[in-house]
Amino acid sequence: MLPVHGPSGRRGYEPSVGSVGDCHDNTLAETINGLYKAEVIHRRGPWRNVQAVELATLLWVDWFDHRRLLEPIGNIPPAEAEARYYEQLAGAPMAA
């Protein structure tokens, strides 16, 4: 990282205004957006109307969350992994 001198960033570099981890959130969002465009928008177009895009989007999100098998989490859908996580939290004893 380049040094920042003084509140105005004397060397021409301004400090970040985002919180820690924002760049990772943005990167993940851009990755998912690109995947969606490649798998739905570009592959299945041209589109007749906005409603057709909306329906295709809903179906893709449902597949992405509930039927897509994700190897790093045991070849189960993300929604199932999330449900298991919250079940474990509910069953764990509370710390005093």
C-alpha atoms as a PDB file:
ATOM      1  CA  MET A   1       0.000   0.000   0.000  1.00  0.00           C
ATOM      2  CA  LEU A   2       1.267   3.467  -0.795  1.00  0.00           C
ATOM      3  CA  PRO A   3       1.846   5.840   2.096  1.00  0.00           C
ATOM      4  CA  VAL A   4      -0.574   8.691   2.680  1.00  0.00           C
ATOM      5  CA  HIS A   5       0.881  11.880   4.166  1.00  0.00           C
ATOM      6  CA  GLY A   6      -1.379  14.245   6.063  1.00  0.00           C
ATOM      7  CA  PRO A   7      -5.147  14.600   5.904  1.00  0.00           C
ATOM      8  CA  SER A   8      -5.097  15.773   2.302  1.00  0.00           C
ATOM      9  CA  GLY A   9      -2.895  12.947   1.040  1.00  0.00           C
ATOM     10  CA  ARG A  10      -0.016  15.283   0.142  1.00  0.00           C
ATOM     11  CA  ARG A  11       1.603  12.765  -2.221  1.00  0.00           C
ATOM     12  CA  GLY A  12      -1.562  12.583  -4.282  1.00  0.00           C
ATOM     13  CA  TYR A  13      -3.085   9.535  -2.659  1.00  0.00           C
ATOM     14  CA  GLU A  14      -6.356   9.809  -0.784  1.00  0.00           C
ATOM     15  CA  PRO A  15      -7.250   7.367   1.983  1.00  0.00           C
ATOM     16  CA  SER A  16     -10.062   4.925   1.317  1.00  0.00           C
ATOM     17  CA  VAL A  17     -13.536   6.015   2.363  1.00  0.00           C
ATOM     18  CA  GLY A  18     -14.948   2.462   2.429  1.00  0.00           C
ATOM     19  CA  SER A  19     -14.932   0.073   5.327  1.00  0.00           C
ATOM     20  CA  VAL A  20     -12.613  -2.908   5.590  1.00  0.00           C
ATOM     21  CA  GLY A  21     -13.723  -5.704   3.279  1.00  0.00           C
ATOM     22  CA  ASP A  22     -15.831  -3.561   0.924  1.00  0.00           C
ATOM     23  CA  CYS A  23     -13.611  -4.407  -2.023  1.00  0.00           C
ATOM     24  CA  HIS A  24     -14.218  -8.121  -1.412  1.00  0.00           C
ATOM     25  CA  ASP A  25     -17.997  -7.594  -1.244  1.00  0.00           C
ATOM     26  CA  ASN A  26     -17.884  -5.650  -4.497  1.00  0.00           C
ATOM     27  CA  THR A  27     -15.749  -8.309  -6.158  1.00  0.00           C
ATOM     28  CA  LEU A  28     -18.172 -11.054  -5.160  1.00  0.00           C
ATOM     29  CA  ALA A  29     -21.136  -9.033  -6.417  1.00  0.00           C
ATOM     30  CA  GLU A  30     -19.406  -8.387  -9.747  1.00  0.00           C
ATOM     31  CA  THR A  31     -18.556 -12.080 -10.092  1.00  0.00           C
ATOM     32  CA  ILE A  32     -22.148 -13.173  -9.502  1.00  0.00           C
ATOM     33  CA  ASN A  33     -23.417 -10.448 -11.837  1.00  0.00           C
ATOM     34  CA  GLY A  34     -21.058 -11.591 -14.590  1.00  0.00           C
ATOM     35  CA  LEU A  35     -22.064 -15.216 -14.096  1.00  0.00           C
ATOM     36  CA  TYR A  36     -25.756 -14.281 -14.273  1.00  0.00           C
ATOM     37  CA  LYS A  37     -25.236 -12.289 -17.467  1.00  0.00           C
ATOM     38  CA  ALA A  38     -23.247 -15.106 -19.091  1.00  0.00           C
ATOM     39  CA  GLU A  39     -25.646 -17.897 -18.102  1.00  0.00           C
ATOM     40  CA  VAL A  40     -28.967 -16.106 -18.497  1.00  0.00           C
ATOM     41  CA  ILE A  41     -28.939 -12.795 -20.323  1.00  0.00           C
ATOM     42  CA  HIS A  42     -26.479 -13.487 -23.144  1.00  0.00           C
ATOM     43  CA  ARG A  43     -27.111 -17.211 -23.558  1.00  0.00           C
ATOM     44  CA  ARG A  44     -30.912 -17.108 -23.615  1.00  0.00           C
ATOM     45  CA  GLY A  45     -31.555 -13.783 -25.366  1.00  0.00           C
ATOM     46  CA  PRO A  46     -32.777 -11.960 -27.332  1.00  0.00           C
ATOM     47  CA  TRP A  47     -35.587 -11.135 -24.939  1.00  0.00           C
ATOM     48  CA  ARG A  48     -39.144 -10.295 -25.992  1.00  0.00           C
ATOM     49  CA  ASN A  49     -39.915  -8.088 -23.009  1.00  0.00           C
ATOM     50  CA  VAL A  50     -38.929  -7.168 -19.468  1.00  0.00           C
ATOM     51  CA  GLN A  51     -41.278  -9.760 -17.977  1.00  0.00           C
ATOM     52  CA  ALA A  52     -39.402 -12.555 -19.773  1.00  0.00           C
ATOM     53  CA  VAL A  53     -36.115 -11.320 -18.273  1.00  0.00           C
ATOM     54  CA  GLU A  54     -37.684 -11.079 -14.815  1.00  0.00           C
ATOM     55  CA  LEU A  55     -39.036 -14.632 -14.982  1.00  0.00           C
ATOM     56  CA  ALA A  56     -35.715 -16.008 -16.235  1.00  0.00           C
ATOM     57  CA  THR A  57     -33.951 -14.153 -13.423  1.00  0.00           C
ATOM     58  CA  LEU A  58     -36.258 -15.592 -10.763  1.00  0.00           C
ATOM     59  CA  LEU A  59     -35.802 -19.117 -12.112  1.00  0.00           C
ATOM     60  CA  TRP A  60     -32.009 -18.728 -12.234  1.00  0.00           C
ATOM     61  CA  VAL A  61     -31.802 -17.383  -8.673  1.00  0.00           C
ATOM     62  CA  ASP A  62     -33.972 -20.255  -7.452  1.00  0.00           C
ATOM     63  CA  TRP A  63     -31.692 -22.775  -9.181  1.00  0.00           C
ATOM     64  CA  PHE A  64     -28.547 -20.978  -7.959  1.00  0.00           C
ATOM     65  CA  ASP A  65     -29.681 -21.079  -4.315  1.00  0.00           C
ATOM     66  CA  HIS A  66     -31.718 -24.294  -4.059  1.00  0.00           C
ATOM     67  CA  ARG A  67     -30.554 -26.831  -6.662  1.00  0.00           C
ATOM     68  CA  ARG A  68     -26.972 -25.963  -7.644  1.00  0.00           C
ATOM     69  CA  LEU A  69     -24.572 -28.404  -5.979  1.00  0.00           C
ATOM     70  CA  LEU A  70     -21.519 -26.686  -4.566  1.00  0.00           C
ATOM     71  CA  GLU A  71     -18.495 -28.956  -4.138  1.00  0.00           C
ATOM     72  CA  PRO A  72     -16.628 -26.961  -1.428  1.00  0.00           C
ATOM     73  CA  ILE A  73     -19.588 -27.362   0.948  1.00  0.00           C
ATOM     74  CA  GLY A  74     -20.169 -31.079   0.369  1.00  0.00           C
ATOM     75  CA  ASN A  75     -22.034 -31.142  -2.957  1.00  0.00           C
ATOM     76  CA  ILE A  76     -25.168 -29.674  -1.456  1.00  0.00           C
ATOM     77  CA  PRO A  77     -27.094 -26.535  -2.472  1.00  0.00           C
ATOM     78  CA  PRO A  78     -26.167 -23.275  -0.718  1.00  0.00           C
ATOM     79  CA  ALA A  79     -29.660 -22.958   0.806  1.00  0.00           C
ATOM     80  CA  GLU A  80     -29.259 -26.368   2.459  1.00  0.00           C
ATOM     81  CA  ALA A  81     -25.859 -25.406   3.853  1.00  0.00           C
ATOM     82  CA  GLU A  82     -27.330 -22.196   5.236  1.00  0.00           C
ATOM     83  CA  ALA A  83     -30.241 -24.088   6.847  1.00  0.00           C
ATOM     84  CA  ARG A  84     -27.796 -26.535   8.479  1.00  0.00           C
ATOM     85  CA  TYR A  85     -25.724 -23.646   9.792  1.00  0.00           C
ATOM     86  CA  TYR A  86     -28.698 -22.009  11.486  1.00  0.00           C
ATOM     87  CA  GLU A  87     -29.857 -25.367  12.877  1.00  0.00           C
ATOM     88  CA  GLN A  88     -26.438 -25.776  14.493  1.00  0.00           C
ATOM     89  CA  LEU A  89     -26.646 -22.274  15.965  1.00  0.00           C
ATOM     90  CA  ALA A  90     -30.091 -22.966  17.391  1.00  0.00           C
ATOM     91  CA  GLY A  91     -28.910 -26.203  19.015  1.00  0.00           C
ATOM     92  CA  ALA A  92     -25.680 -24.783  20.447  1.00  0.00           C
ATOM     93  CA  PRO A  93     -25.719 -23.845  24.144  1.00  0.00           C
ATOM     94  CA  MET A  94     -25.572 -20.115  24.845  1.00  0.00           C
ATOM     95  CA  ALA A  95     -22.452 -18.774  26.540  1.00  0.00           C
ATOM     96  CA  ALA A  96     -23.067 -17.181  29.927  1.00  0.00           C
END
